[in-house]
Each structure stands twice: as structure tokens, then as C-alpha cells.
Amino acid sequence: MPNITTTRGKVPLGQKAAFGAGHLVLNLLPGALGVFMFFLLTAFGMDPFLAGLLGGLPRIFDAITDPIMGFITDNTKSKWGRRRPYIFIGAILSGVLFALLWQLDPENTQNYNFWYFLIMSMVFLIGNTMFATPLVGLGYEMTSDYNERTRLMAFSQTIGQIAWMIVPWFWVIISNPDILPISAEEVSRIATLGLSDTDAAKTTLEAVQANGVRKLSIIVGAACIILGVLPAFFCKGIDSANMENRKEISFKTLGSNVMDLFRGIAQVSKNRPFVKLCGATFLVFNGFQMVAAFSFYIIVFYMYNGSYADAGSLPAWFSTITAMITAFGVIPIVSYMANKWGKRRAFIYSTGLSIIGYILKWWAFDPENVWLLFMPIPFMAFGLGGLFTLMMSMTADVCDLDELKNGMPRKEGTFGAIYWWMVKLGQALALVLGGLVLKMVGFDGAAAQQTSETMMSLRIADVLIPSITAAMAIWIMWKYSLSESKAKEIKIELVKRRGEL
């Protein structure tokens, strides 16, 4: 079947770069949020249970807003397109609200800080959803070419990985008073408290961390605004001027809109290839996230006998080098494999390589040879590096299949919202299950050292959990039906139906 490329088949480099800038923001915000959440306990004195609620409750709210935003952007009519107005406004709101979210004061009561953070989290997630959901939907419609979709997603994922090269160093920046110094007034205030040397050092560290969180959140927010608005200016989506069957979005049509939303979700849920993509993503991402923190614990407590000082910046280097190899090594290879052998086989091969990496971790954490720590990274990186590059490209193919079966309007926003809702659900579940695994193996976070039995069990879980979930994902995708030839047949039929040349 010949590969017919329409006028929106090739995506110019400038548009790819702008779309990649948006994905950098998509990665930077949750990455920074994950680091900053730790300092709720240490810098702002939040009770661990309340901190857990602040991490979990907003995710439930986020799961509700994603499909709604997907429906709204799919049915929007404007001279700037369906996606770009929301991306522009959402980028500004995301940056401003992220900075405001972290303007906490340790001197406030715990109750005040809890409710301030919870309410501001809800507001922040509305702005972030307004940015993220249309951006993902825009990516699905920027090109109708089967292979160009993979190249576009590979490019955006490469740019997005830059966030994960930067985020691990936030730990260092926040706790270093030479980088983000506290005010002279704060130093004087602590000196007048009449504390012992030990208590004064602890109070000073808390002040340094609180100051670091507040200032760094402003820098992160500003960067997100600057980078986030670029897709709104430079990326082009499908021409929706003559798109039929879009629903009117207004307060008068609220009731019918809710029914249309549920009908759209039902149609998406009946799309078997899309269900397979969601299932495989849930397994690979959930398995990886469950053990994501285990490497840090194993480095500190197994390799360095519980000494954070001796471990130094090694955990940060581990994360940064993983992101660098993913961006500049794995993603280009996965893109090549997809173009040569098809997306399904590329997913199976890349996920299989990640299993090899997970198994190699058993020999990587060697107290006698620190350099072995980096041995499994090139293989492990194929897991998430291949996952999102391929799955986002394949979701764009699925949107074509949905248009063929269900007609207009196209539902890129709804597909994107449900797909990323699955990712967020997996992440939330992984946090809960990861904590359960730590409890089951007897890990004690308050202990200076862990027992040899605990570390043995933790290392086994660190290898087995992601290996098993990745193998299950391969099984799900083994008979994935939307092949390259079928995708091209669908594209040709859609071109005829739309009257395109």
C-alpha cells in the first residue's frame, strides 16, 4: 500500500521544537512537584499522613477534569483552532499557580498550610489540565503520516527528557544556601531564638529548604510559562473550520454536553486497539513507578550502609544519566525500529530490552564497584523511552480508526485525556503499592540501617516487579491489530471522505 502524504504529512522542525518545548513543561512540572512534595515534611513540618492526602486527593480531582477538558477542546470553535487558545492560557496559569502553590510559610499553622496547599493544588490542576490535555490532542493531529507521527513523538520525548536531567538536582539546589541564600533577617531571627547548636542547625536547614522551595518554584513557574506558550504560537493542528457534528459548549447545553461526554468516553472505551495501548501503558509505567524509589534506598542502605553523606550525589547522577541515555540514545533507536519493523514490533523489542536491564540490576548494586551501577541503564531506558514515544504515535493512529467508525468530530482530546488519566491512575496506584511493598519487606525509614533480610527482599522486588509487568505488557501487545498497512488504508479512506487532495 503506498504511503500517501497529505499537506499536513510533514511537520517542520520549528513546529517539532515548539511541541517538544511543551513536552518539556509536561515533564518538568510533575518532576518538580515530586521533589518539592518531600519538603512538605522536612521544611514545612507537615504530618506524613496529611502530606499523603495532599499527594492523593488532588489526583482524584485531576482524573475528573481530564475527560471534561478533552471534550471541551474537541468541540471548540475558534479562529485560532481547537487547541491553541487553551494551551496559551493554560501555560500561563500553570506557571503562575505552580509558583503560588509553594509560597508556604513554616510559621503558619499546619492546618492553614494543609488547606492552602489542598485548595491551591486543585486550582493549579485546572490550569495544568487546560494546558496538558489540548497539547496532547494537538500532537495527535499535527500530522496524518504514519511514520512522521513516530518521528514527531520521538522528537518531543527527547526534548521532554531534558526535564529529568534537571529535576534530580533540585534536591541539591533547595538545600544549598549558597545557591538560594536565606535573608539576613531570617538568619538574625534564628540567632535570637536561643537554641542549642543542634537545634539551631536543624532550624537553619529547615529555613534554607523552605526558602529554596519558594524561590525555585518561581523559577520553574517562569520557565514553564516561557516554554509552554510556544506550541500555541508555532504548532499547527488539523484544519477544523469545516469539521462537522461539533457540540455547542455553553451553560445552556451543559446537560446535553454531559451526555455527549459520556457517549464519547463509551465510544473510546470500545476501541480495542486503544484499550490494548492503555493496558500495556498501565503495566509498564506502573511496574516502573512502583520500584522507582527503590534504587535510591538500595544505593544508600545497601551500598553505603545508610549514609546519605557517603552516597552524595550518586542517586542524582543515576537519574540524570538515565534521562540522557533515554533522550539521545534510546528514543532515536526506538524511532528507527518503528520505521523499519513497525510500531508493535518496536514496542515488543524495546520492552524486552528493558526486562534485560531490570534483571541486570541484581549485579549493578555492588558496594565494591560503584561503576557497575550504570551498567543496566542503557537497557532499562528502553522501557519508558520506547513506551511513550510509541504509544503516543499509536494513539494518533487510533484516532483515525475512531473517525472512520464514528465520524466527526475527531476525538484527539478525549483519547489523550483518557490515555493520560490511565497514566496518572497507574502512578497513584504505584505510589500506594510501592509503599505496601516497602512495608512488606520490613523497610524502616526512621532506622539508620536496614537488616540484610530487608535489603535482600527489596532487591528481589526491585528486579521482579518491573520485569513481570513488562512481560505482561508484551503479551497484551503481541496481537495488536492496527498494523502499518491497515493504518494507511484507513488514512486513504479518510482522505477520500474529507475530499482532501
Protein backbone atom coordinates (compact mmCIF):
# COMPACT_ATOMS: atom_id res chain seq x y z
CA MET A 1 0.00 0.00 0.00
CA PRO A 2 1.64 3.30 -1.00
CA ASN A 3 2.26 5.90 1.72
CA ILE A 4 0.23 8.91 0.60
CA THR A 5 1.30 12.05 2.43
CA THR A 6 -1.12 14.96 2.51
CA THR A 7 -0.18 18.60 3.03
CA ARG A 8 -0.13 18.01 6.78
CA GLY A 9 2.11 14.94 6.48
CA LYS A 10 5.48 16.58 7.16
CA VAL A 11 5.97 18.55 10.39
CA PRO A 12 8.58 21.34 10.05
CA LEU A 13 11.48 21.35 12.52
CA GLY A 14 10.30 24.59 14.13
CA GLN A 15 6.91 23.09 14.95
CA LYS A 16 8.57 19.96 16.33
CA ALA A 17 10.78 22.11 18.55
CA ALA A 18 7.77 24.09 19.84
CA PHE A 19 5.83 20.89 20.51
CA GLY A 20 8.90 19.50 22.29
CA ALA A 21 9.07 22.63 24.46
CA GLY A 22 5.51 21.90 25.55
CA HIS A 23 6.51 18.36 26.47
CA LEU A 24 9.43 19.66 28.48
CA VAL A 25 6.85 21.53 30.56
CA LEU A 26 4.69 18.39 30.80
CA ASN A 27 7.66 16.59 32.37
CA LEU A 28 9.13 19.47 34.36
CA LEU A 29 6.00 20.26 36.40
CA PRO A 30 5.32 16.74 37.77
CA GLY A 31 9.05 16.16 38.22
CA ALA A 32 9.45 19.33 40.27
CA LEU A 33 6.23 18.57 42.15
CA GLY A 34 7.58 15.14 43.14
CA VAL A 35 10.75 16.67 44.58
CA PHE A 36 9.03 19.58 46.29
CA MET A 37 6.46 17.29 47.98
CA PHE A 38 9.29 15.80 50.07
CA PHE A 39 9.96 19.20 51.62
CA LEU A 40 6.39 19.46 52.86
CA LEU A 41 7.58 17.15 55.65
CA THR A 42 11.08 18.50 56.30
CA ALA A 43 10.81 22.24 55.59
CA PHE A 44 7.17 22.93 56.43
CA GLY A 45 6.59 20.33 59.17
CA MET A 46 3.59 18.66 57.56
CA ASP A 47 2.35 15.44 59.18
CA PRO A 48 3.21 12.44 56.91
CA PHE A 49 -0.43 11.33 56.75
CA LEU A 50 -1.59 14.83 55.78
CA ALA A 51 1.22 15.03 53.21
CA GLY A 52 -0.03 11.75 51.77
CA LEU A 53 -3.53 13.20 51.48
CA LEU A 54 -2.12 16.25 49.70
CA GLY A 55 -0.49 13.90 47.22
CA GLY A 56 -3.54 11.70 46.64
CA LEU A 57 -6.67 13.87 46.86
CA PRO A 58 -5.71 16.26 44.00
CA ARG A 59 -5.11 13.23 41.74
CA ILE A 60 -8.73 12.18 42.17
CA PHE A 61 -9.84 15.67 41.18
CA ASP A 62 -7.42 15.62 38.23
CA ALA A 63 -8.95 12.37 36.96
CA ILE A 64 -12.33 14.12 36.71
CA THR A 65 -11.12 17.25 34.91
CA ASP A 66 -9.10 15.49 32.18
CA PRO A 67 -12.02 13.95 30.20
CA ILE A 68 -14.05 17.16 30.59
CA MET A 69 -11.22 19.23 29.14
CA GLY A 70 -10.78 16.68 26.36
CA PHE A 71 -14.45 17.02 25.38
CA ILE A 72 -14.32 20.83 25.51
CA THR A 73 -11.25 21.13 23.30
CA ASP A 74 -12.56 18.56 20.79
CA ASN A 75 -15.71 20.64 20.29
CA THR A 76 -14.27 24.17 20.49
CA LYS A 77 -14.78 26.54 17.56
CA SER A 78 -12.40 29.49 17.23
CA LYS A 79 -10.35 31.21 14.56
CA TRP A 80 -7.20 30.03 16.38
CA GLY A 81 -8.20 26.37 16.26
CA ARG A 82 -9.47 23.88 18.82
CA ARG A 83 -6.32 23.52 20.94
CA ARG A 84 -4.07 26.57 20.83
CA PRO A 85 -6.15 29.09 22.86
CA TYR A 86 -6.29 26.66 25.78
CA ILE A 87 -2.57 25.85 25.52
CA PHE A 88 -1.70 29.57 25.70
CA ILE A 89 -3.93 30.32 28.70
CA GLY A 90 -3.12 27.01 30.38
CA ALA A 91 0.64 27.55 30.15
CA ILE A 92 0.38 30.92 31.88
CA LEU A 93 -1.96 29.59 34.57
CA SER A 94 0.23 26.51 35.15
CA GLY A 95 3.37 28.58 35.71
CA VAL A 96 1.77 31.23 37.91
CA LEU A 97 -0.23 28.78 40.01
CA PHE A 98 2.73 26.42 40.49
CA ALA A 99 4.75 29.29 41.96
CA LEU A 100 1.86 30.38 44.19
CA LEU A 101 1.30 26.79 45.33
CA TRP A 102 4.67 26.73 47.08
CA GLN A 103 4.62 30.13 48.77
CA LEU A 104 4.14 28.43 52.11
CA ASP A 105 5.48 29.69 55.44
CA PRO A 106 6.71 27.26 58.13
CA GLU A 107 5.49 29.76 60.73
CA ASN A 108 1.87 29.21 59.68
CA THR A 109 -0.14 26.53 61.46
CA GLN A 110 -0.16 23.05 59.94
CA ASN A 111 -3.91 23.30 59.44
CA TYR A 112 -3.53 26.55 57.47
CA ASN A 113 -0.76 25.15 55.27
CA PHE A 114 -2.76 21.97 54.65
CA TRP A 115 -5.87 23.76 53.41
CA TYR A 116 -3.88 26.38 51.48
CA PHE A 117 -1.95 23.67 49.65
CA LEU A 118 -5.00 21.49 49.01
CA ILE A 119 -7.10 24.34 47.55
CA MET A 120 -4.21 25.73 45.53
CA SER A 121 -3.45 22.22 44.21
CA MET A 122 -6.99 21.95 42.86
CA VAL A 123 -6.73 25.34 41.19
CA PHE A 124 -3.27 24.53 39.81
CA LEU A 125 -4.51 21.25 38.32
CA ILE A 126 -7.31 23.07 36.48
CA GLY A 127 -4.73 25.32 34.82
CA ASN A 128 -2.41 22.40 34.14
CA THR A 129 -5.22 20.31 32.61
CA MET A 130 -6.15 23.29 30.41
CA PHE A 131 -2.56 23.17 29.11
CA ALA A 132 -1.75 19.46 29.02
CA THR A 133 -4.90 17.91 27.50
CA PRO A 134 -5.08 20.19 24.42
CA LEU A 135 -1.31 19.88 23.91
CA VAL A 136 -1.50 16.09 23.78
CA GLY A 137 -4.50 16.29 21.46
CA LEU A 138 -2.67 18.76 19.21
CA GLY A 139 0.21 16.32 18.85
CA TYR A 140 -2.12 13.59 17.63
CA GLU A 141 -3.41 15.81 14.80
CA MET A 142 -0.22 17.63 13.72
CA THR A 143 0.42 15.01 11.06
CA SER A 144 -1.58 12.27 9.39
CA ASP A 145 1.53 10.38 8.23
CA TYR A 146 2.09 7.01 9.94
CA ASN A 147 5.89 7.31 10.29
CA GLU A 148 6.01 11.08 10.79
CA ARG A 149 3.86 10.60 13.89
CA THR A 150 6.58 8.45 15.41
CA ARG A 151 9.27 10.95 14.46
CA LEU A 152 7.24 13.80 16.00
CA MET A 153 6.67 11.91 19.25
CA ALA A 154 10.30 10.81 19.38
CA PHE A 155 11.46 14.40 18.98
CA SER A 156 9.08 15.68 21.67
CA GLN A 157 10.02 12.89 24.08
CA THR A 158 13.72 13.67 23.57
CA ILE A 159 13.15 17.31 24.49
CA GLY A 160 10.93 16.24 27.39
CA GLN A 161 13.73 14.13 28.86
CA ILE A 162 15.74 17.31 29.49
CA ALA A 163 13.41 17.90 32.44
CA TRP A 164 14.54 14.62 34.02
CA MET A 165 18.18 15.63 33.58
CA ILE A 166 17.48 18.79 35.58
CA VAL A 167 14.96 17.70 38.23
CA PRO A 168 17.27 15.38 40.28
CA TRP A 169 19.49 18.36 41.01
CA PHE A 170 16.61 20.26 42.62
CA TRP A 171 17.43 18.28 45.78
CA VAL A 172 20.89 19.86 45.79
CA ILE A 173 19.73 23.37 44.87
CA ILE A 174 16.98 23.57 47.50
CA SER A 175 19.25 22.50 50.36
CA ASN A 176 22.26 24.63 49.38
CA PRO A 177 22.18 28.12 50.96
CA ASP A 178 24.99 29.27 48.65
CA ILE A 179 22.73 28.87 45.61
CA LEU A 180 19.48 30.28 47.03
CA PRO A 181 20.54 32.09 50.23
CA ILE A 182 18.13 32.95 53.01
CA SER A 183 17.72 36.58 54.03
CA ALA A 184 19.84 38.25 56.70
CA GLU A 185 16.65 38.91 58.65
CA GLU A 186 15.91 35.19 58.79
CA VAL A 187 19.45 34.43 60.00
CA SER A 188 19.06 37.05 62.72
CA ARG A 189 15.66 35.68 63.75
CA ILE A 190 17.06 32.18 64.21
CA ALA A 191 20.01 33.55 66.21
CA THR A 192 17.64 35.27 68.67
CA LEU A 193 15.78 32.04 69.47
CA GLY A 194 18.49 30.91 71.87
CA LEU A 195 18.60 27.35 70.53
CA SER A 196 21.29 24.76 71.16
CA ASP A 197 23.80 24.21 68.37
CA THR A 198 21.99 21.07 67.22
CA ASP A 199 18.54 22.68 67.23
CA ALA A 200 19.89 25.84 65.60
CA ALA A 201 21.43 23.78 62.80
CA LYS A 202 18.14 21.92 62.28
CA THR A 203 16.09 25.14 62.28
CA THR A 204 18.53 26.78 59.86
CA LEU A 205 18.33 23.79 57.48
CA GLU A 206 14.51 23.96 57.56
CA ALA A 207 14.66 27.70 56.80
CA VAL A 208 17.10 27.09 53.94
CA GLN A 209 14.86 24.39 52.45
CA ALA A 210 11.67 26.47 52.80
CA ASN A 211 13.40 29.43 51.16
CA GLY A 212 14.79 27.18 48.41
CA VAL A 213 11.36 25.71 47.64
CA ARG A 214 9.71 29.14 47.44
CA LYS A 215 12.37 30.68 45.19
CA LEU A 216 12.90 27.67 42.94
CA SER A 217 9.16 27.30 42.39
CA ILE A 218 9.10 30.84 40.94
CA ILE A 219 11.97 29.98 38.58
CA VAL A 220 10.27 26.75 37.49
CA GLY A 221 6.95 28.56 37.00
CA ALA A 222 8.54 31.26 34.84
CA ALA A 223 10.32 28.65 32.69
CA CYS A 224 7.03 26.79 32.21
CA ILE A 225 5.27 29.93 31.01
CA ILE A 226 8.02 30.81 28.50
CA LEU A 227 8.28 27.29 27.10
CA GLY A 228 4.59 26.41 27.43
CA VAL A 229 3.22 29.17 25.19
CA LEU A 230 5.46 28.18 22.25
CA PRO A 231 3.15 25.42 20.91
CA ALA A 232 0.25 27.90 20.93
CA PHE A 233 2.18 30.22 18.61
CA PHE A 234 4.02 27.82 16.30
CA CYS A 235 2.25 24.43 16.14
CA LYS A 236 -0.44 23.74 13.56
CA GLY A 237 -3.22 21.21 14.03
CA ILE A 238 -5.87 19.83 11.70
CA ASP A 239 -7.98 22.39 9.84
CA SER A 240 -11.19 22.29 11.86
CA ALA A 241 -13.02 25.14 10.13
CA ASN A 242 -15.41 22.79 8.34
CA MET A 243 -15.42 19.99 10.93
CA GLU A 244 -18.95 18.69 11.35
CA ASN A 245 -21.00 17.50 14.33
CA ARG A 246 -19.22 19.52 16.98
CA LYS A 247 -21.31 20.24 20.06
CA GLU A 248 -22.09 23.72 21.29
CA ILE A 249 -20.23 24.47 24.53
CA SER A 250 -22.31 26.74 26.77
CA PHE A 251 -24.20 26.77 30.06
CA LYS A 252 -27.45 26.20 28.14
CA THR A 253 -26.14 22.96 26.67
CA LEU A 254 -24.50 21.73 29.88
CA GLY A 255 -26.90 18.82 30.34
CA SER A 256 -26.59 17.57 26.77
CA ASN A 257 -22.82 18.14 26.90
CA VAL A 258 -22.50 15.79 29.87
CA MET A 259 -24.42 13.09 27.97
CA ASP A 260 -22.27 13.64 24.88
CA LEU A 261 -19.16 13.40 27.04
CA PHE A 262 -20.18 10.01 28.38
CA ARG A 263 -21.12 8.80 24.90
CA GLY A 264 -17.70 9.86 23.64
CA ILE A 265 -15.96 8.07 26.51
CA ALA A 266 -18.04 4.96 25.78
CA GLN A 267 -17.01 5.04 22.09
CA VAL A 268 -13.37 5.43 23.04
CA SER A 269 -13.62 2.55 25.53
CA LYS A 270 -14.94 0.24 22.80
CA ASN A 271 -11.89 0.88 20.63
CA ARG A 272 -10.00 -2.40 21.15
CA PRO A 273 -6.58 -1.23 19.90
CA PHE A 274 -6.78 1.77 22.23
CA VAL A 275 -7.71 -0.44 25.19
CA LYS A 276 -4.62 -2.52 24.48
CA LEU A 277 -2.45 0.61 24.41
CA CYS A 278 -3.87 1.72 27.77
CA GLY A 279 -3.40 -1.72 29.31
CA ALA A 280 0.21 -2.04 28.16
CA THR A 281 0.99 1.50 29.31
CA PHE A 282 -0.56 0.87 32.71
CA LEU A 283 1.57 -2.23 33.22
CA VAL A 284 4.91 -0.86 32.03
CA PHE A 285 4.56 2.52 33.73
CA ASN A 286 3.02 1.15 36.92
CA GLY A 287 5.73 -1.51 37.27
CA PHE A 288 8.49 1.03 36.77
CA GLN A 289 6.98 3.60 39.12
CA MET A 290 6.41 1.06 41.90
CA VAL A 291 10.15 0.49 42.23
CA ALA A 292 11.36 3.94 41.09
CA ALA A 293 12.39 4.97 44.62
CA PHE A 294 13.89 1.57 45.45
CA SER A 295 17.13 2.35 43.63
CA PHE A 296 17.70 5.35 45.92
CA TYR A 297 17.12 3.23 49.03
CA ILE A 298 19.35 0.42 47.76
CA ILE A 299 22.17 2.84 46.95
CA VAL A 300 22.01 4.46 50.39
CA PHE A 301 21.28 1.47 52.63
CA TYR A 302 22.88 -1.42 50.71
CA MET A 303 25.88 0.20 49.04
CA TYR A 304 26.61 2.85 51.69
CA ASN A 305 25.20 1.30 54.90
CA GLY A 306 22.64 4.06 55.45
CA SER A 307 24.99 7.00 54.97
CA TYR A 308 23.32 9.71 52.87
CA ALA A 309 26.54 11.74 53.03
CA ASP A 310 28.65 8.94 51.55
CA ALA A 311 26.05 8.32 48.82
CA GLY A 312 26.36 12.01 47.96
CA SER A 313 25.09 12.96 44.52
CA LEU A 314 25.26 9.40 43.15
CA PRO A 315 21.43 8.96 43.14
CA ALA A 316 21.08 12.24 41.23
CA TRP A 317 23.70 11.15 38.70
CA PHE A 318 21.89 7.81 38.31
CA SER A 319 18.65 9.62 37.35
CA THR A 320 20.35 12.23 35.17
CA ILE A 321 22.39 9.73 33.16
CA THR A 322 19.28 7.59 32.69
CA ALA A 323 17.46 10.59 31.20
CA MET A 324 20.44 11.47 28.96
CA ILE A 325 20.72 7.94 27.57
CA THR A 326 16.95 7.84 27.05
CA ALA A 327 16.91 11.15 25.20
CA PHE A 328 19.95 10.87 22.98
CA GLY A 329 20.32 7.12 22.62
CA VAL A 330 17.15 5.13 23.21
CA ILE A 331 14.48 7.34 21.64
CA PRO A 332 16.27 7.70 18.26
CA ILE A 333 16.82 3.91 18.20
CA VAL A 334 13.16 3.24 19.01
CA SER A 335 12.09 5.64 16.27
CA TYR A 336 14.35 3.79 13.80
CA MET A 337 12.94 0.42 14.88
CA ALA A 338 9.37 1.66 14.46
CA ASN A 339 10.05 2.91 10.93
CA LYS A 340 11.85 -0.30 9.97
CA TRP A 341 9.78 -3.01 11.67
CA GLY A 342 6.54 -1.28 12.68
CA LYS A 343 5.38 0.18 15.97
CA ARG A 344 4.09 -3.06 17.51
CA ARG A 345 7.36 -4.93 17.00
CA ALA A 346 9.34 -1.89 18.13
CA PHE A 347 7.36 -1.87 21.37
CA ILE A 348 7.93 -5.60 21.92
CA TYR A 349 11.67 -5.30 21.24
CA SER A 350 12.18 -2.19 23.38
CA THR A 351 10.15 -3.58 26.29
CA GLY A 352 12.09 -6.85 26.04
CA LEU A 353 15.37 -4.93 26.28
CA SER A 354 14.08 -3.14 29.39
CA ILE A 355 13.48 -6.52 31.06
CA ILE A 356 17.16 -7.36 30.47
CA GLY A 357 18.04 -4.08 32.20
CA TYR A 358 15.81 -4.82 35.20
CA ILE A 359 17.45 -8.23 35.62
CA LEU A 360 20.94 -6.73 35.35
CA LYS A 361 20.15 -4.52 38.35
CA TRP A 362 20.77 -7.56 40.56
CA TRP A 363 24.51 -7.29 39.80
CA ALA A 364 24.62 -3.50 39.40
CA PHE A 365 24.34 -2.53 43.08
CA ASP A 366 27.83 -3.63 44.05
CA PRO A 367 29.41 -1.87 47.06
CA GLU A 368 32.85 -2.86 45.75
CA ASN A 369 32.34 -1.41 42.25
CA VAL A 370 30.22 1.74 42.02
CA TRP A 371 30.58 1.93 38.25
CA LEU A 372 28.51 -1.24 37.79
CA LEU A 373 25.53 0.91 38.86
CA PHE A 374 25.37 2.39 35.36
CA MET A 375 25.52 -1.00 33.56
CA PRO A 376 21.75 -1.66 33.30
CA ILE A 377 20.75 1.91 32.41
CA PRO A 378 21.06 1.59 28.57
CA PHE A 379 18.71 -1.42 28.68
CA MET A 380 16.28 -0.10 31.31
CA ALA A 381 15.92 3.17 29.42
CA PHE A 382 14.15 1.33 26.59
CA GLY A 383 11.18 0.82 28.93
CA LEU A 384 9.78 4.33 29.31
CA GLY A 385 11.75 5.73 26.36
CA GLY A 386 10.05 3.32 24.00
CA LEU A 387 6.71 3.36 25.81
CA PHE A 388 5.66 6.98 25.39
CA THR A 389 7.34 7.50 22.02
CA LEU A 390 5.44 4.59 20.50
CA MET A 391 2.18 4.74 22.44
CA MET A 392 1.54 8.40 21.66
CA SER A 393 2.22 7.71 17.98
CA MET A 394 -0.07 4.67 18.04
CA THR A 395 -2.81 6.65 19.80
CA ALA A 396 -2.77 9.08 16.88
CA ASP A 397 -3.40 6.08 14.56
CA VAL A 398 -6.27 5.02 16.82
CA CYS A 399 -7.85 8.47 16.42
CA ASP A 400 -8.02 7.80 12.66
CA LEU A 401 -9.75 4.48 13.32
CA ASP A 402 -12.30 6.23 15.54
CA GLU A 403 -13.04 8.84 12.86
CA LEU A 404 -13.56 6.03 10.33
CA LYS A 405 -16.05 4.25 12.61
CA ASN A 406 -17.76 7.14 14.39
CA GLY A 407 -17.26 10.15 12.13
CA MET A 408 -16.62 13.74 13.17
CA PRO A 409 -15.68 15.44 15.33
CA ARG A 410 -12.30 13.82 15.81
CA LYS A 411 -11.65 12.99 19.48
CA GLU A 412 -7.91 13.57 19.94
CA GLY A 413 -8.62 15.47 23.15
CA THR A 414 -10.79 12.71 24.59
CA PHE A 415 -8.33 9.97 23.61
CA GLY A 416 -5.45 11.95 25.07
CA ALA A 417 -7.35 12.71 28.28
CA ILE A 418 -8.29 9.06 28.88
CA TYR A 419 -4.82 7.80 27.99
CA TRP A 420 -3.12 10.19 30.42
CA TRP A 421 -5.80 9.52 33.02
CA MET A 422 -4.64 5.90 32.81
CA VAL A 423 -1.03 7.03 33.29
CA LYS A 424 -1.97 9.12 36.34
CA LEU A 425 -4.06 6.29 37.77
CA GLY A 426 -1.08 3.98 37.36
CA GLN A 427 1.21 6.48 39.05
CA ALA A 428 -1.15 6.95 42.01
CA LEU A 429 -1.58 3.18 42.39
CA ALA A 430 2.17 2.68 42.10
CA LEU A 431 2.78 5.08 44.98
CA VAL A 432 0.38 3.11 47.17
CA LEU A 433 1.66 -0.32 46.13
CA GLY A 434 5.29 0.79 46.35
CA GLY A 435 4.71 1.82 49.96
CA LEU A 436 2.99 -1.50 50.61
CA VAL A 437 6.00 -3.40 49.22
CA LEU A 438 8.34 -1.39 51.47
CA LYS A 439 6.18 -2.29 54.46
CA MET A 440 6.05 -5.97 53.49
CA VAL A 441 9.84 -6.27 53.19
CA GLY A 442 10.26 -4.60 56.60
CA PHE A 443 11.81 -1.32 55.44
CA ASP A 444 12.03 1.25 58.26
CA GLY A 445 12.59 4.78 57.01
CA ALA A 446 13.45 6.02 60.50
CA ALA A 447 16.21 3.45 61.00
CA ALA A 448 19.84 4.36 60.41
CA GLN A 449 20.42 0.97 58.76
CA GLN A 450 18.26 -1.82 57.35
CA THR A 451 18.55 -5.55 58.04
CA SER A 452 20.21 -7.79 55.46
CA GLU A 453 16.90 -9.69 55.04
CA THR A 454 15.07 -6.44 54.26
CA MET A 455 17.63 -5.39 51.67
CA MET A 456 17.62 -8.84 50.05
CA SER A 457 13.82 -8.76 49.74
CA LEU A 458 13.87 -5.17 48.47
CA ARG A 459 16.43 -6.03 45.78
CA ILE A 460 14.35 -9.03 44.65
CA ALA A 461 11.24 -6.84 44.40
CA ASP A 462 13.27 -4.21 42.52
CA VAL A 463 14.06 -6.80 39.82
CA LEU A 464 10.90 -8.92 39.68
CA ILE A 465 8.09 -6.32 39.76
CA PRO A 466 9.02 -4.30 36.63
CA SER A 467 10.15 -7.44 34.78
CA ILE A 468 6.81 -9.18 35.32
CA THR A 469 4.67 -6.16 34.43
CA ALA A 470 6.75 -5.50 31.29
CA ALA A 471 6.35 -9.14 30.22
CA MET A 472 2.57 -8.86 30.71
CA ALA A 473 2.55 -5.73 28.53
CA ILE A 474 4.34 -7.63 25.75
CA TRP A 475 1.69 -10.35 25.97
CA ILE A 476 -1.10 -7.75 25.63
CA MET A 477 0.52 -6.13 22.57
CA TRP A 478 1.50 -9.41 20.88
CA LYS A 479 -1.64 -9.44 18.72
CA TYR A 480 -2.18 -5.68 18.41
CA SER A 481 -4.24 -5.38 15.23
CA LEU A 482 -3.69 -1.83 13.94
CA SER A 483 -0.70 -2.51 11.68
CA GLU A 484 1.04 -0.04 9.37
CA SER A 485 -0.76 -1.37 6.30
CA LYS A 486 -4.15 -1.11 7.99
CA ALA A 487 -3.38 2.39 9.30
CA LYS A 488 -2.50 3.52 5.77
CA GLU A 489 -5.71 2.02 4.37
CA ILE A 490 -7.70 3.96 6.98
CA LYS A 491 -5.83 7.15 6.13
CA ILE A 492 -6.57 6.82 2.40
CA GLU A 493 -10.26 6.26 3.12
CA LEU A 494 -10.38 9.31 5.40
CA VAL A 495 -8.67 11.45 2.77
CA LYS A 496 -11.37 10.42 0.26
CA ARG A 497 -14.16 11.02 2.76
CA ARG A 498 -12.91 14.52 3.64
CA GLY A 499 -12.33 15.41 0.00
CA GLU A 500 -8.64 16.17 0.57
CA LEU A 501 -6.01 16.04 -2.16
